């Protein structure tokens, strides 16, 4: 039973963190910056999912993702930091199952609201 409450508490913290990150990014950054965040998060999530389906441990963020997060933090790359953080949270929430589903849904909704637009780089 103790493990259940631990997982539930972890899920609640992940949900709070997700909502805080998304809310603060949407309040602070322009559309093109938000699209950059979602492009990075989506790329990280897809790569991690591919590795997990290939046998990688789903309970641990891949080393390359942790390094991307560390590098973004060190270089003050806010888009990279938010993208990597959301990807790490998404993976942790997936491991938590039903308890983590609200965090996954919030991240998926954020990705859908700010799709990566190839037209942003056209110079118009």
PDB file of N, CA and C in Angstrom:
ATOM      1  N   UNK A   1       0.824  -1.185   0.000  1.00  0.00           N
ATOM      2  CA  UNK A   1       0.000   0.000   0.000  1.00  0.00           C
ATOM      3  C   UNK A   1       0.872   1.254   0.000  1.00  0.00           C
ATOM      4  N   UNK A   2       1.995   1.210   0.688  1.00  0.00           N
ATOM      5  CA  UNK A   2       2.888   2.356   0.724  1.00  0.00           C
ATOM      6  C   UNK A   2       3.377   2.712  -0.679  1.00  0.00           C
ATOM      7  N   UNK A   3       3.668   1.690  -1.482  1.00  0.00           N
ATOM      8  CA  UNK A   3       4.114   1.912  -2.852  1.00  0.00           C
ATOM      9  C   UNK A   3       3.033   2.616  -3.669  1.00  0.00           C
ATOM     10  N   UNK A   4       1.773   2.250  -3.443  1.00  0.00           N
ATOM     11  CA  UNK A   4       0.675   2.880  -4.172  1.00  0.00           C
ATOM     12  C   UNK A   4       0.631   4.378  -3.896  1.00  0.00           C
ATOM     13  N   UNK A   5       0.717   4.761  -2.611  1.00  0.00           N
ATOM     14  CA  UNK A   5       0.665   6.181  -2.278  1.00  0.00           C
ATOM     15  C   UNK A   5       1.897   6.909  -2.788  1.00  0.00           C
ATOM     16  N   UNK A   6       3.030   6.214  -2.821  1.00  0.00           N
ATOM     17  CA  UNK A   6       4.239   6.810  -3.379  1.00  0.00           C
ATOM     18  C   UNK A   6       4.071   7.120  -4.848  1.00  0.00           C
ATOM     19  N   UNK A   7       3.496   6.172  -5.584  1.00  0.00           N
ATOM     20  CA  UNK A   7       3.257   6.379  -7.014  1.00  0.00           C
ATOM     21  C   UNK A   7       2.220   7.475  -7.231  1.00  0.00           C
ATOM     22  N   UNK A   8       1.200   7.483  -6.374  1.00  0.00           N
ATOM     23  CA  UNK A   8       0.165   8.504  -6.509  1.00  0.00           C
ATOM     24  C   UNK A   8       0.740   9.892  -6.230  1.00  0.00           C
ATOM     25  N   UNK A   9       1.563   9.992  -5.209  1.00  0.00           N
ATOM     26  CA  UNK A   9       2.208  11.265  -4.896  1.00  0.00           C
ATOM     27  C   UNK A   9       3.140  11.711  -6.009  1.00  0.00           C
ATOM     28  N   UNK A  10       3.879  10.751  -6.572  1.00  0.00           N
ATOM     29  CA  UNK A  10       4.775  11.066  -7.684  1.00  0.00           C
ATOM     30  C   UNK A  10       3.966  11.542  -8.887  1.00  0.00           C
ATOM     31  N   UNK A  11       2.841  10.890  -9.146  1.00  0.00           N
ATOM     32  CA  UNK A  11       1.985  11.286 -10.271  1.00  0.00           C
ATOM     33  C   UNK A  11       1.436  12.694 -10.064  1.00  0.00           C
ATOM     34  N   UNK A  12       0.993  12.993  -8.850  1.00  0.00           N
ATOM     35  CA  UNK A  12       0.466  14.334  -8.572  1.00  0.00           C
ATOM     36  C   UNK A  12       1.539  15.398  -8.777  1.00  0.00           C
ATOM     37  N   UNK A  13       2.770  15.101  -8.359  1.00  0.00           N
ATOM     38  CA  UNK A  13       3.862  16.058  -8.549  1.00  0.00           C
ATOM     39  C   UNK A  13       4.160  16.250 -10.033  1.00  0.00           C
ATOM     40  N   UNK A  14       4.168  15.165 -10.791  1.00  0.00           N
ATOM     41  CA  UNK A  14       4.419  15.244 -12.233  1.00  0.00           C
ATOM     42  C   UNK A  14       3.333  16.069 -12.926  1.00  0.00           C
ATOM     43  N   UNK A  15       2.095  15.869 -12.518  1.00  0.00           N
ATOM     44  CA  UNK A  15       0.978  16.623 -13.104  1.00  0.00           C
ATOM     45  C   UNK A  15       1.132  18.114 -12.792  1.00  0.00           C
ATOM     46  N   UNK A  16       1.462  18.438 -11.538  1.00  0.00           N
ATOM     47  CA  UNK A  16       1.678  19.851 -11.168  1.00  0.00           C
ATOM     48  C   UNK A  16       2.828  20.459 -11.970  1.00  0.00           C
ATOM     49  N   UNK A  17       3.933  19.719 -12.066  1.00  0.00           N
ATOM     50  CA  UNK A  17       5.092  20.222 -12.811  1.00  0.00           C
ATOM     51  C   UNK A  17       4.742  20.466 -14.277  1.00  0.00           C
ATOM     52  N   UNK A  18       4.024  19.524 -14.867  1.00  0.00           N
ATOM     53  CA  UNK A  18       3.629  19.651 -16.273  1.00  0.00           C
ATOM     54  C   UNK A  18       2.805  20.912 -16.487  1.00  0.00           C
ATOM     55  N   UNK A  19       1.796  21.082 -15.657  1.00  0.00           N
ATOM     56  CA  UNK A  19       0.923  22.249 -15.800  1.00  0.00           C
ATOM     57  C   UNK A  19       1.680  23.554 -15.584  1.00  0.00           C
ATOM     58  N   UNK A  20       2.607  23.565 -14.635  1.00  0.00           N
ATOM     59  CA  UNK A  20       3.401  24.764 -14.370  1.00  0.00           C
ATOM     60  C   UNK A  20       4.289  25.115 -15.556  1.00  0.00           C
ATOM     61  N   UNK A  21       4.972  24.122 -16.102  1.00  0.00           N
ATOM     62  CA  UNK A  21       5.862  24.362 -17.244  1.00  0.00           C
ATOM     63  C   UNK A  21       5.073  24.884 -18.438  1.00  0.00           C
ATOM     64  N   UNK A  22       3.979  24.214 -18.758  1.00  0.00           N
ATOM     65  CA  UNK A  22       3.182  24.611 -19.918  1.00  0.00           C
ATOM     66  C   UNK A  22       2.605  26.014 -19.726  1.00  0.00           C
ATOM     67  N   UNK A  23       2.037  26.265 -18.560  1.00  0.00           N
ATOM     68  CA  UNK A  23       1.439  27.576 -18.290  1.00  0.00           C
ATOM     69  C   UNK A  23       2.494  28.687 -18.361  1.00  0.00           C
ATOM     70  N   UNK A  24       3.652  28.473 -17.757  1.00  0.00           N
ATOM     71  CA  UNK A  24       4.671  29.530 -17.765  1.00  0.00           C
ATOM     72  C   UNK A  24       5.258  29.739 -19.159  1.00  0.00           C
ATOM     73  N   UNK A  25       5.456  28.664 -19.920  1.00  0.00           N
ATOM     74  CA  UNK A  25       5.972  28.818 -21.285  1.00  0.00           C
ATOM     75  C   UNK A  25       4.976  29.560 -22.169  1.00  0.00           C
ATOM     76  N   UNK A  26       3.699  29.203 -22.070  1.00  0.00           N
ATOM     77  CA  UNK A  26       2.694  29.869 -22.906  1.00  0.00           C
ATOM     78  C   UNK A  26       2.536  31.340 -22.533  1.00  0.00           C
ATOM     79  N   UNK A  27       2.770  31.674 -21.273  1.00  0.00           N
ATOM     80  CA  UNK A  27       2.665  33.070 -20.852  1.00  0.00           C
ATOM     81  C   UNK A  27       3.900  33.878 -21.246  1.00  0.00           C
ATOM     82  N   UNK A  28       5.045  33.227 -21.309  1.00  0.00           N
ATOM     83  CA  UNK A  28       6.301  33.956 -21.487  1.00  0.00           C
ATOM     84  C   UNK A  28       6.802  34.045 -22.923  1.00  0.00           C
ATOM     85  N   UNK A  29       6.455  33.093 -23.769  1.00  0.00           N
ATOM     86  CA  UNK A  29       7.114  32.995 -25.068  1.00  0.00           C
ATOM     87  C   UNK A  29       6.170  33.210 -26.244  1.00  0.00           C
ATOM     88  N   UNK A  30       6.756  33.671 -27.339  1.00  0.00           N
ATOM     89  CA  UNK A  30       6.020  33.887 -28.589  1.00  0.00           C
ATOM     90  C   UNK A  30       5.728  32.547 -29.260  1.00  0.00           C
ATOM     91  N   UNK A  31       4.824  32.597 -30.224  1.00  0.00           N
ATOM     92  CA  UNK A  31       4.388  31.386 -30.918  1.00  0.00           C
ATOM     93  C   UNK A  31       5.543  30.584 -31.507  1.00  0.00           C
ATOM     94  N   UNK A  32       6.484  31.262 -32.168  1.00  0.00           N
ATOM     95  CA  UNK A  32       7.583  30.529 -32.808  1.00  0.00           C
ATOM     96  C   UNK A  32       8.446  29.800 -31.777  1.00  0.00           C
ATOM     97  N   UNK A  33       8.586  30.380 -30.590  1.00  0.00           N
ATOM     98  CA  UNK A  33       9.363  29.735 -29.529  1.00  0.00           C
ATOM     99  C   UNK A  33       8.610  28.512 -28.994  1.00  0.00           C
ATOM    100  N   UNK A  34       7.298  28.641 -28.859  1.00  0.00           N
ATOM    101  CA  UNK A  34       6.483  27.513 -28.394  1.00  0.00           C
ATOM    102  C   UNK A  34       6.522  26.370 -29.407  1.00  0.00           C
ATOM    103  N   UNK A  35       6.528  26.714 -30.684  1.00  0.00           N
ATOM    104  CA  UNK A  35       6.620  25.676 -31.720  1.00  0.00           C
ATOM    105  C   UNK A  35       7.978  24.974 -31.677  1.00  0.00           C
ATOM    106  N   UNK A  36       9.008  25.717 -31.342  1.00  0.00           N
ATOM    107  CA  UNK A  36      10.337  25.114 -31.203  1.00  0.00           C
ATOM    108  C   UNK A  36      10.353  24.142 -30.020  1.00  0.00           C
ATOM    109  N   UNK A  37       9.724  24.537 -28.919  1.00  0.00           N
ATOM    110  CA  UNK A  37       9.636  23.660 -27.746  1.00  0.00           C
ATOM    111  C   UNK A  37       8.912  22.372 -28.109  1.00  0.00           C
ATOM    112  N   UNK A  38       7.762  22.498 -28.782  1.00  0.00           N
ATOM    113  CA  UNK A  38       6.994  21.294 -29.112  1.00  0.00           C
ATOM    114  C   UNK A  38       7.726  20.426 -30.123  1.00  0.00           C
ATOM    115  N   UNK A  39       8.441  21.036 -31.049  1.00  0.00           N
ATOM    116  CA  UNK A  39       9.208  20.242 -32.018  1.00  0.00           C
ATOM    117  C   UNK A  39      10.272  19.423 -31.301  1.00  0.00           C
ATOM    118  N   UNK A  40      10.970  20.051 -30.353  1.00  0.00           N
ATOM    119  CA  UNK A  40      12.005  19.341 -29.603  1.00  0.00           C
ATOM    120  C   UNK A  40      11.400  18.252 -28.722  1.00  0.00           C
ATOM    121  N   UNK A  41      10.326  18.588 -28.007  1.00  0.00           N
ATOM    122  CA  UNK A  41       9.689  17.602 -27.131  1.00  0.00           C
ATOM    123  C   UNK A  41       9.188  16.413 -27.940  1.00  0.00           C
ATOM    124  N   UNK A  42       8.538  16.687 -29.063  1.00  0.00           N
ATOM    125  CA  UNK A  42       8.015  15.617 -29.908  1.00  0.00           C
ATOM    126  C   UNK A  42       9.142  14.729 -30.437  1.00  0.00           C
ATOM    127  N   UNK A  43      10.231  15.355 -30.879  1.00  0.00           N
ATOM    128  CA  UNK A  43      11.379  14.598 -31.388  1.00  0.00           C
ATOM    129  C   UNK A  43      11.963  13.706 -30.289  1.00  0.00           C
ATOM    130  N   UNK A  44      12.113  14.258 -29.086  1.00  0.00           N
ATOM    131  CA  UNK A  44      12.660  13.489 -27.967  1.00  0.00           C
ATOM    132  C   UNK A  44      11.741  12.330 -27.586  1.00  0.00           C
ATOM    133  N   UNK A  45      10.445  12.593 -27.531  1.00  0.00           N
ATOM    134  CA  UNK A  45       9.488  11.549 -27.151  1.00  0.00           C
ATOM    135  C   UNK A  45       9.497  10.422 -28.173  1.00  0.00           C
ATOM    136  N   UNK A  46       9.475  10.776 -29.442  1.00  0.00           N
ATOM    137  CA  UNK A  46       9.472   9.744 -30.489  1.00  0.00           C
ATOM    138  C   UNK A  46      10.750   8.908 -30.456  1.00  0.00           C
ATOM    139  N   UNK A  47      11.891   9.548 -30.273  1.00  0.00           N
ATOM    140  CA  UNK A  47      13.153   8.801 -30.218  1.00  0.00           C
ATOM    141  C   UNK A  47      13.172   7.870 -29.000  1.00  0.00           C
ATOM    142  N   UNK A  48      12.729   8.371 -27.858  1.00  0.00           N
ATOM    143  CA  UNK A  48      12.707   7.545 -26.648  1.00  0.00           C
ATOM    144  C   UNK A  48      11.731   6.382 -26.798  1.00  0.00           C
ATOM    145  N   UNK A  49      10.563   6.636 -27.389  1.00  0.00           N
ATOM    146  CA  UNK A  49       9.602   5.549 -27.617  1.00  0.00           C
ATOM    147  C   UNK A  49      10.200   4.465 -28.505  1.00  0.00           C
ATOM    148  N   UNK A  50      10.929   4.869 -29.531  1.00  0.00           N
ATOM    149  CA  UNK A  50      11.565   3.897 -30.422  1.00  0.00           C
ATOM    150  C   UNK A  50      12.574   3.052 -29.653  1.00  0.00           C
ATOM    151  N   UNK A  51      13.339   3.681 -28.781  1.00  0.00           N
ATOM    152  CA  UNK A  51      14.318   2.938 -27.987  1.00  0.00           C
ATOM    153  C   UNK A  51      13.635   2.000 -27.002  1.00  0.00           C
ATOM    154  N   UNK A  52      12.549   2.463 -26.392  1.00  0.00           N
ATOM    155  CA  UNK A  52      11.821   1.631 -25.431  1.00  0.00           C
ATOM    156  C   UNK A  52      11.205   0.432 -26.131  1.00  0.00           C
ATOM    157  N   UNK A  53      10.640   0.650 -27.322  1.00  0.00           N
ATOM    158  CA  UNK A  53      10.066  -0.479 -28.060  1.00  0.00           C
ATOM    159  C   UNK A  53      11.157  -1.447 -28.498  1.00  0.00           C
ATOM    160  N   UNK A  54      12.393  -0.969 -28.559  1.00  0.00           N
ATOM    161  CA  UNK A  54      13.529  -1.823 -28.912  1.00  0.00           C
ATOM    162  C   UNK A  54      14.147  -2.516 -27.714  1.00  0.00           C
ATOM    163  N   UNK A  55      13.589  -2.314 -26.530  1.00  0.00           N
ATOM    164  CA  UNK A  55      14.058  -3.026 -25.354  1.00  0.00           C
ATOM    165  C   UNK A  55      14.698  -2.174 -24.276  1.00  0.00           C
ATOM    166  N   UNK A  56      14.785  -0.869 -24.461  1.00  0.00           N
ATOM    167  CA  UNK A  56      15.373   0.000 -23.436  1.00  0.00           C
ATOM    168  C   UNK A  56      14.460   0.048 -22.211  1.00  0.00           C
ATOM    169  N   UNK A  57      15.025   0.363 -21.068  1.00  0.00           N
ATOM    170  CA  UNK A  57      14.290   0.439 -19.805  1.00  0.00           C
ATOM    171  C   UNK A  57      13.301   1.604 -19.847  1.00  0.00           C
ATOM    172  N   UNK A  58      11.989   1.326 -19.780  1.00  0.00           N
ATOM    173  CA  UNK A  58      11.005   2.414 -19.842  1.00  0.00           C
ATOM    174  C   UNK A  58      10.963   3.248 -18.562  1.00  0.00           C
ATOM    175  N   UNK A  59      11.539   2.738 -17.486  1.00  0.00           N
ATOM    176  CA  UNK A  59      11.500   3.445 -16.215  1.00  0.00           C
ATOM    177  C   UNK A  59      12.592   4.480 -16.039  1.00  0.00           C
ATOM    178  N   UNK A  60      13.470   4.606 -17.013  1.00  0.00           N
ATOM    179  CA  UNK A  60      14.590   5.538 -16.891  1.00  0.00           C
ATOM    180  C   UNK A  60      14.714   6.354 -18.173  1.00  0.00           C
ATOM    181  N   UNK A  61      14.853   7.661 -18.005  1.00  0.00           N
ATOM    182  CA  UNK A  61      15.046   8.519 -19.180  1.00  0.00           C
ATOM    183  C   UNK A  61      16.362   8.140 -19.845  1.00  0.00           C
ATOM    184  N   UNK A  62      16.371   8.039 -21.159  1.00  0.00           N
ATOM    185  CA  UNK A  62      17.614   7.681 -21.852  1.00  0.00           C
ATOM    186  C   UNK A  62      18.737   8.675 -21.540  1.00  0.00           C
ATOM    187  N   UNK A  63      19.942   8.168 -21.570  1.00  0.00           N
ATOM    188  CA  UNK A  63      21.109   8.998 -21.253  1.00  0.00           C
ATOM    189  C   UNK A  63      21.197  10.232 -22.164  1.00  0.00           C
ATOM    190  N   UNK A  64      20.966  10.048 -23.462  1.00  0.00           N
ATOM    191  CA  UNK A  64      21.055  11.172 -24.398  1.00  0.00           C
ATOM    192  C   UNK A  64      20.050  12.267 -24.051  1.00  0.00           C
ATOM    193  N   UNK A  65      18.882  11.861 -23.507  1.00  0.00           N
ATOM    194  CA  UNK A  65      17.863  12.844 -23.147  1.00  0.00           C
ATOM    195  C   UNK A  65      18.273  13.602 -21.884  1.00  0.00           C
ATOM    196  N   UNK A  66      18.816  12.888 -20.920  1.00  0.00           N
ATOM    197  CA  UNK A  66      19.314  13.556 -19.712  1.00  0.00           C
ATOM    198  C   UNK A  66      20.452  14.519 -20.061  1.00  0.00           C
ATOM    199  N   UNK A  67      21.308  14.102 -20.991  1.00  0.00           N
ATOM    200  CA  UNK A  67      22.412  14.976 -21.422  1.00  0.00           C
ATOM    201  C   UNK A  67      21.896  16.197 -22.186  1.00  0.00           C
ATOM    202  N   UNK A  68      20.865  16.006 -23.008  1.00  0.00           N
ATOM    203  CA  UNK A  68      20.261  17.146 -23.722  1.00  0.00           C
ATOM    204  C   UNK A  68      19.677  18.137 -22.718  1.00  0.00           C
ATOM    205  N   UNK A  69      19.042  17.620 -21.673  1.00  0.00           N
ATOM    206  CA  UNK A  69      18.468  18.455 -20.621  1.00  0.00           C
ATOM    207  C   UNK A  69      19.571  19.227 -19.897  1.00  0.00           C
ATOM    208  N   UNK A  70      20.620  18.533 -19.528  1.00  0.00           N
ATOM    209  CA  UNK A  70      21.743  19.154 -18.818  1.00  0.00           C
ATOM    210  C   UNK A  70      22.408  20.235 -19.682  1.00  0.00           C
ATOM    211  N   UNK A  71      22.605  19.926 -20.950  1.00  0.00           N
ATOM    212  CA  UNK A  71      23.235  20.879 -21.865  1.00  0.00           C
ATOM    213  C   UNK A  71      22.367  22.123 -22.055  1.00  0.00           C
ATOM    214  N   UNK A  72      21.070  21.924 -22.202  1.00  0.00           N
ATOM    215  CA  UNK A  72      20.157  23.061 -22.372  1.00  0.00           C
ATOM    216  C   UNK A  72      20.165  23.945 -21.130  1.00  0.00           C
ATOM    217  N   UNK A  73      20.184  23.319 -19.962  1.00  0.00           N
ATOM    218  CA  UNK A  73      20.222  24.091 -18.720  1.00  0.00           C
ATOM    219  C   UNK A  73      21.533  24.874 -18.617  1.00  0.00           C
ATOM    220  N   UNK A  74      22.641  24.208 -18.936  1.00  0.00           N
ATOM    221  CA  UNK A  74      23.964  24.838 -18.854  1.00  0.00           C
ATOM    222  C   UNK A  74      24.091  26.012 -19.823  1.00  0.00           C
ATOM    223  N   UNK A  75      23.526  25.862 -21.022  1.00  0.00           N
ATOM    224  CA  UNK A  75      23.633  26.889 -22.059  1.00  0.00           C
ATOM    225  C   UNK A  75      22.484  27.888 -22.060  1.00  0.00           C
ATOM    226  N   UNK A  76      21.622  27.810 -21.049  1.00  0.00           N
ATOM    227  CA  UNK A  76      20.469  28.702 -20.930  1.00  0.00           C
ATOM    228  C   UNK A  76      19.596  28.667 -22.187  1.00  0.00           C
ATOM    229  N   UNK A  77      19.419  27.471 -22.742  1.00  0.00           N
ATOM    230  CA  UNK A  77      18.562  27.258 -23.912  1.00  0.00           C
ATOM    231  C   UNK A  77      17.167  26.898 -23.403  1.00  0.00           C
ATOM    232  N   UNK A  78      16.323  27.904 -23.268  1.00  0.00           N
ATOM    233  CA  UNK A  78      15.015  27.682 -22.655  1.00  0.00           C
ATOM    234  C   UNK A  78      14.123  26.747 -23.467  1.00  0.00           C
ATOM    235  N   UNK A  79      14.168  26.848 -24.782  1.00  0.00           N
ATOM    236  CA  UNK A  79      13.358  25.946 -25.614  1.00  0.00           C
ATOM    237  C   UNK A  79      13.850  24.512 -25.450  1.00  0.00           C
ATOM    238  N   UNK A  80      15.151  24.325 -25.485  1.00  0.00           N
ATOM    239  CA  UNK A  80      15.718  22.995 -25.307  1.00  0.00           C
ATOM    240  C   UNK A  80      15.421  22.432 -23.934  1.00  0.00           C
ATOM    241  N   UNK A  81      15.490  23.282 -22.918  1.00  0.00           N
ATOM    242  CA  UNK A  81      15.221  22.852 -21.551  1.00  0.00           C
ATOM    243  C   UNK A  81      13.764  22.440 -21.383  1.00  0.00           C
ATOM    244  N   UNK A  82      12.849  23.260 -21.876  1.00  0.00           N
ATOM    245  CA  UNK A  82      11.425  22.915 -21.766  1.00  0.00           C
ATOM    246  C   UNK A  82      11.095  21.667 -22.573  1.00  0.00           C
ATOM    247  N   UNK A  83      11.640  21.568 -23.782  1.00  0.00           N
ATOM    248  CA  UNK A  83      11.381  20.397 -24.620  1.00  0.00           C
ATOM    249  C   UNK A  83      11.872  19.114 -23.980  1.00  0.00           C
ATOM    250  N   UNK A  84      13.096  19.141 -23.449  1.00  0.00           N
ATOM    251  CA  UNK A  84      13.654  17.948 -22.807  1.00  0.00           C
ATOM    252  C   UNK A  84      12.904  17.625 -21.518  1.00  0.00           C
ATOM    253  N   UNK A  85      12.557  18.648 -20.742  1.00  0.00           N
ATOM    254  CA  UNK A  85      11.834  18.426 -19.492  1.00  0.00           C
ATOM    255  C   UNK A  85      10.471  17.803 -19.754  1.00  0.00           C
ATOM    256  N   UNK A  86       9.744  18.336 -20.727  1.00  0.00           N
ATOM    257  CA  UNK A  86       8.430  17.769 -21.044  1.00  0.00           C
ATOM    258  C   UNK A  86       8.554  16.330 -21.534  1.00  0.00           C
ATOM    259  N   UNK A  87       9.590  16.028 -22.299  1.00  0.00           N
ATOM    260  CA  UNK A  87       9.793  14.656 -22.772  1.00  0.00           C
ATOM    261  C   UNK A  87      10.089  13.723 -21.602  1.00  0.00           C
ATOM    262  N   UNK A  88      10.941  14.154 -20.676  1.00  0.00           N
ATOM    263  CA  UNK A  88      11.262  13.335 -19.500  1.00  0.00           C
ATOM    264  C   UNK A  88      10.011  13.108 -18.662  1.00  0.00           C
ATOM    265  N   UNK A  89       9.246  14.158 -18.443  1.00  0.00           N
ATOM    266  CA  UNK A  89       8.007  14.030 -17.669  1.00  0.00           C
ATOM    267  C   UNK A  89       7.042  13.079 -18.366  1.00  0.00           C
ATOM    268  N   UNK A  90       6.915  13.207 -19.679  1.00  0.00           N
ATOM    269  CA  UNK A  90       6.014  12.338 -20.437  1.00  0.00           C
ATOM    270  C   UNK A  90       6.394  10.871 -20.236  1.00  0.00           C
ATOM    271  N   UNK A  91       7.674  10.569 -20.336  1.00  0.00           N
ATOM    272  CA  UNK A  91       8.135   9.187 -20.170  1.00  0.00           C
ATOM    273  C   UNK A  91       7.878   8.684 -18.757  1.00  0.00           C
ATOM    274  N   UNK A  92       8.130   9.519 -17.753  1.00  0.00           N
ATOM    275  CA  UNK A  92       7.868   9.125 -16.363  1.00  0.00           C
ATOM    276  C   UNK A  92       6.374   8.903 -16.140  1.00  0.00           C
ATOM    277  N   UNK A  93       5.554   9.778 -16.713  1.00  0.00           N
ATOM    278  CA  UNK A  93       4.107   9.653 -16.554  1.00  0.00           C
ATOM    279  C   UNK A  93       3.593   8.373 -17.202  1.00  0.00           C
ATOM    280  N   UNK A  94       4.157   8.005 -18.349  1.00  0.00           N
ATOM    281  CA  UNK A  94       3.754   6.760 -19.016  1.00  0.00           C
ATOM    282  C   UNK A  94       4.029   5.555 -18.130  1.00  0.00           C
ATOM    283  N   UNK A  95       5.157   5.564 -17.431  1.00  0.00           N
ATOM    284  CA  UNK A  95       5.508   4.459 -16.538  1.00  0.00           C
ATOM    285  C   UNK A  95       4.507   4.368 -15.387  1.00  0.00           C
ATOM    286  N   UNK A  96       3.974   5.509 -14.946  1.00  0.00           N
ATOM    287  CA  UNK A  96       3.012   5.525 -13.844  1.00  0.00           C
ATOM    288  C   UNK A  96       1.629   5.036 -14.261  1.00  0.00           C
ATOM    289  N   UNK A  97       1.396   4.902 -15.546  1.00  0.00           N
ATOM    290  CA  UNK A  97       0.122   4.370 -16.031  1.00  0.00           C
ATOM    291  C   UNK A  97      -1.022   5.348 -15.851  1.00  0.00           C
ATOM    292  N   UNK A  98      -2.132   4.847 -15.338  1.00  0.00           N
ATOM    293  CA  UNK A  98      -3.353   5.650 -15.197  1.00  0.00           C
ATOM    294  C   UNK A  98      -3.112   6.886 -14.332  1.00  0.00           C
ATOM    295  N   UNK A  99      -2.327   6.749 -13.285  1.00  0.00           N
ATOM    296  CA  UNK A  99      -2.072   7.880 -12.387  1.00  0.00           C
ATOM    297  C   UNK A  99      -1.346   9.016 -13.106  1.00  0.00           C
ATOM    298  N   UNK A 100      -0.514   8.689 -14.071  1.00  0.00           N
ATOM    299  CA  UNK A 100       0.233   9.704 -14.801  1.00  0.00           C
ATOM    300  C   UNK A 100      -0.437  10.179 -16.071  1.00  0.00           C
ATOM    301  N   UNK A 101      -1.581   9.597 -16.408  1.00  0.00           N
ATOM    302  CA  UNK A 101      -2.259   9.925 -17.660  1.00  0.00           C
ATOM    303  C   UNK A 101      -2.594  11.409 -17.819  1.00  0.00           C
ATOM    304  N   UNK A 102      -3.029  12.118 -16.755  1.00  0.00           N
ATOM    305  CA  UNK A 102      -3.309  13.550 -16.939  1.00  0.00           C
ATOM    306  C   UNK A 102      -2.092  14.353 -17.407  1.00  0.00           C
ATOM    307  N   UNK A 103      -0.906  13.981 -16.956  1.00  0.00           N
ATOM    308  CA  UNK A 103       0.307  14.674 -17.414  1.00  0.00           C
ATOM    309  C   UNK A 103       0.543  14.391 -18.890  1.00  0.00           C
ATOM    310  N   UNK A 104       0.370  13.137 -19.292  1.00  0.00           N
ATOM    311  CA  UNK A 104       0.537  12.781 -20.710  1.00  0.00           C
ATOM    312  C   UNK A 104      -0.458  13.543 -21.573  1.00  0.00           C
ATOM    313  N   UNK A 105      -1.701  13.611 -21.115  1.00  0.00           N
ATOM    314  CA  UNK A 105      -2.736  14.315 -21.875  1.00  0.00           C
ATOM    315  C   UNK A 105      -2.431  15.807 -21.982  1.00  0.00           C
ATOM    316  N   UNK A 106      -1.928  16.401 -20.904  1.00  0.00           N
ATOM    317  CA  UNK A 106      -1.589  17.829 -20.937  1.00  0.00           C
ATOM    318  C   UNK A 106      -0.450  18.089 -21.925  1.00  0.00           C
ATOM    319  N   UNK A 107       0.544  17.216 -21.929  1.00  0.00           N
ATOM    320  CA  UNK A 107       1.669  17.381 -22.854  1.00  0.00           C
ATOM    321  C   UNK A 107       1.207  17.169 -24.288  1.00  0.00           C
ATOM    322  N   UNK A 108       0.383  16.146 -24.516  1.00  0.00           N
ATOM    323  CA  UNK A 108      -0.129  15.904 -25.869  1.00  0.00           C
ATOM    324  C   UNK A 108      -0.975  17.077 -26.353  1.00  0.00           C
ATOM    325  N   UNK A 109      -1.766  17.671 -25.463  1.00  0.00           N
ATOM    326  CA  UNK A 109      -2.578  18.836 -25.831  1.00  0.00           C
ATOM    327  C   UNK A 109      -1.681  20.031 -26.161  1.00  0.00           C
ATOM    328  N   UNK A 110      -0.616  20.215 -25.400  1.00  0.00           N
ATOM    329  CA  UNK A 110       0.346  21.290 -25.673  1.00  0.00           C
ATOM    330  C   UNK A 110       0.998  21.085 -27.034  1.00  0.00           C
ATOM    331  N   UNK A 111       1.402  19.857 -27.328  1.00  0.00           N
ATOM    332  CA  UNK A 111       2.008  19.557 -28.628  1.00  0.00           C
ATOM    333  C   UNK A 111       1.024  19.826 -29.762  1.00  0.00           C
ATOM    334  N   UNK A 112      -0.252  19.518 -29.532  1.00  0.00           N
ATOM    335  CA  UNK A 112      -1.271  19.740 -30.563  1.00  0.00           C
ATOM    336  C   UNK A 112      -1.569  21.231 -30.747  1.00  0.00           C
ATOM    337  N   UNK A 113      -1.509  22.008 -29.653  1.00  0.00           N
ATOM    338  CA  UNK A 113      -1.778  23.452 -29.741  1.00  0.00           C
ATOM    339  C   UNK A 113      -0.685  24.204 -30.481  1.00  0.00           C
ATOM    340  N   UNK A 114       0.532  23.721 -30.393  1.00  0.00           N
ATOM    341  CA  UNK A 114       1.669  24.424 -30.988  1.00  0.00           C
ATOM    342  C   UNK A 114       2.435  23.498 -31.925  1.00  0.00           C
ATOM    343  N   UNK A 115       1.801  23.060 -33.008  1.00  0.00           N
ATOM    344  CA  UNK A 115       2.484  22.132 -33.919  1.00  0.00           C
ATOM    345  C   UNK A 115       3.671  22.806 -34.599  1.00  0.00           C
ATOM    346  N   UNK A 116       4.691  21.999 -34.849  1.00  0.00           N
ATOM    347  CA  UNK A 116       5.869  22.497 -35.569  1.00  0.00           C
ATOM    348  C   UNK A 116       5.430  22.851 -36.976  1.00  0.00           C
ATOM    349  N   UNK A 117       5.647  24.108 -37.357  1.00  0.00           N
ATOM    350  CA  UNK A 117       5.225  24.570 -38.677  1.00  0.00           C
ATOM    351  C   UNK A 117       6.439  24.765 -39.558  1.00  0.00           C
ATOM    352  N   UNK A 118       6.504  24.031 -40.654  1.00  0.00           N
ATOM    353  CA  UNK A 118       7.605  24.182 -41.599  1.00  0.00           C
ATOM    354  C   UNK A 118       7.556  25.556 -42.260  1.00  0.00           C
ATOM    355  N   UNK A 119       6.379  26.182 -42.272  1.00  0.00           N
ATOM    356  CA  UNK A 119       6.221  27.493 -42.899  1.00  0.00           C
ATOM    357  C   UNK A 119       6.915  28.599 -42.110  1.00  0.00           C
ATOM    358  N   UNK A 120       7.197  28.354 -40.810  1.00  0.00           N
ATOM    359  CA  UNK A 120       7.858  29.371 -39.994  1.00  0.00           C
ATOM    360  C   UNK A 120       9.252  29.695 -40.502  1.00  0.00           C
ATOM    361  N   UNK A 121       9.879  28.767 -41.204  1.00  0.00           N
ATOM    362  CA  UNK A 121      11.243  28.965 -41.689  1.00  0.00           C
ATOM    363  C   UNK A 121      11.296  29.430 -43.137  1.00  0.00           C
ATOM    364  N   UNK A 122      10.161  29.790 -43.707  1.00  0.00           N
ATOM    365  CA  UNK A 122      10.113  30.166 -45.117  1.00  0.00           C
ATOM    366  C   UNK A 122      10.523  31.614 -45.360  1.00  0.00           C
ATOM    367  N   UNK A 123      10.684  32.386 -44.281  1.00  0.00           N
ATOM    368  CA  UNK A 123      11.113  33.773 -44.433  1.00  0.00           C
ATOM    369  C   UNK A 123       9.972  34.740 -44.612  1.00  0.00           C
ATOM    370  N   UNK A 124       8.734  34.294 -44.486  1.00  0.00           N
ATOM    371  CA  UNK A 124       7.600  35.201 -44.639  1.00  0.00           C
ATOM    372  C   UNK A 124       7.170  35.808 -43.337  1.00  0.00           C
TER     373      UNK A 124
END
